[in-house]
Amino acid sequence: MLTTASFGYAEYAAAGPVNFPFFHLGCLIVGGLIIISLKHKYSKIYLSEAVGSFALYTILVALFTSPVVDALKNLVG
């Protein structure tokens, strides 16, 4: 929950209220729910593994937001 909240705040600060990526935030919430359901279904998954996979998923989703893509375009071109 803290990772999703920090993602939402960072995107709001970077993109502003007009360009807020609601789709990406929805993907994070759905991905978190899937990881939680997998944790409940398979009891051998440790909590640290679930948290780590969600953190990596958050980074992956953040890479495809507008501010990051624009920064990469400016870096390359």
Protein backbone atom coordinates (compact mmCIF):
# COMPACT_ATOMS: atom_id res chain seq x y z
CA MET A 1 0.00 0.00 0.00
CA LEU A 2 2.88 2.33 0.78
CA THR A 3 4.45 1.62 -2.61
CA THR A 4 1.20 2.42 -4.42
CA ALA A 5 0.74 5.61 -2.42
CA SER A 6 4.29 6.77 -3.10
CA PHE A 7 3.83 5.99 -6.81
CA GLY A 8 0.63 8.02 -6.88
CA TYR A 9 2.25 10.98 -5.11
CA ALA A 10 5.33 10.92 -7.35
CA GLU A 11 3.22 10.84 -10.49
CA TYR A 12 0.98 13.63 -9.23
CA ALA A 13 4.05 15.75 -8.46
CA ALA A 14 5.73 14.98 -11.80
CA ALA A 15 2.78 15.12 -14.20
CA GLY A 16 0.31 17.35 -12.40
CA PRO A 17 -3.39 16.74 -11.86
CA VAL A 18 -4.26 16.96 -15.56
CA ASN A 19 -1.93 14.20 -16.76
CA PHE A 20 -2.28 11.83 -13.81
CA PRO A 21 -1.93 8.20 -15.03
CA PHE A 22 -5.10 6.62 -13.68
CA PHE A 23 -4.58 3.58 -15.90
CA HIS A 24 -1.16 2.92 -14.40
CA LEU A 25 -2.51 3.31 -10.88
CA GLY A 26 -5.28 0.85 -11.73
CA CYS A 27 -2.70 -1.59 -13.06
CA LEU A 28 -0.80 -1.31 -9.78
CA ILE A 29 -3.90 -2.01 -7.74
CA VAL A 30 -4.89 -5.01 -9.87
CA GLY A 31 -1.32 -6.33 -9.81
CA GLY A 32 -1.20 -6.00 -6.04
CA LEU A 33 -4.45 -7.90 -5.70
CA ILE A 34 -3.12 -10.67 -7.93
CA ILE A 35 0.06 -10.96 -5.87
CA ILE A 36 -1.99 -11.08 -2.66
CA SER A 37 -4.23 -13.80 -4.09
CA LEU A 38 -1.17 -15.81 -5.14
CA LYS A 39 0.24 -15.41 -1.63
CA HIS A 40 -2.97 -16.81 -0.14
CA LYS A 41 -3.21 -19.64 -2.67
CA TYR A 42 0.42 -20.78 -2.33
CA SER A 43 1.42 -20.77 1.33
CA LYS A 44 5.12 -21.36 0.60
CA ILE A 45 5.53 -17.85 -0.82
CA TYR A 46 7.18 -15.68 1.81
CA LEU A 47 5.88 -12.21 2.56
CA SER A 48 9.24 -10.68 1.63
CA GLU A 49 9.04 -12.35 -1.78
CA ALA A 50 5.57 -10.95 -2.38
CA VAL A 51 6.64 -7.46 -1.31
CA GLY A 52 9.76 -7.64 -3.46
CA SER A 53 7.84 -8.76 -6.52
CA PHE A 54 5.33 -5.95 -6.02
CA ALA A 55 8.17 -3.42 -5.71
CA LEU A 56 9.69 -4.66 -8.96
CA TYR A 57 6.27 -4.53 -10.61
CA THR A 58 5.86 -0.93 -9.42
CA ILE A 59 9.18 0.02 -11.00
CA LEU A 60 8.17 -1.69 -14.24
CA VAL A 61 4.85 0.17 -14.37
CA ALA A 62 6.57 3.46 -13.52
CA LEU A 63 8.92 3.05 -16.49
CA PHE A 64 5.98 3.36 -18.90
CA THR A 65 4.48 6.59 -17.54
CA SER A 66 4.65 9.84 -19.48
CA PRO A 67 7.26 11.70 -17.37
CA VAL A 68 9.70 8.78 -17.52
CA VAL A 69 9.21 8.27 -21.26
CA ASP A 70 9.71 11.99 -21.87
CA ALA A 71 12.88 11.99 -19.75
CA LEU A 72 14.24 9.02 -21.69
CA LYS A 73 13.44 10.75 -25.00
CA ASN A 74 15.32 13.85 -23.85
CA LEU A 75 18.24 11.72 -22.68
CA VAL A 76 18.54 9.81 -25.94
CA GLY A 77 17.69 12.58 -28.37
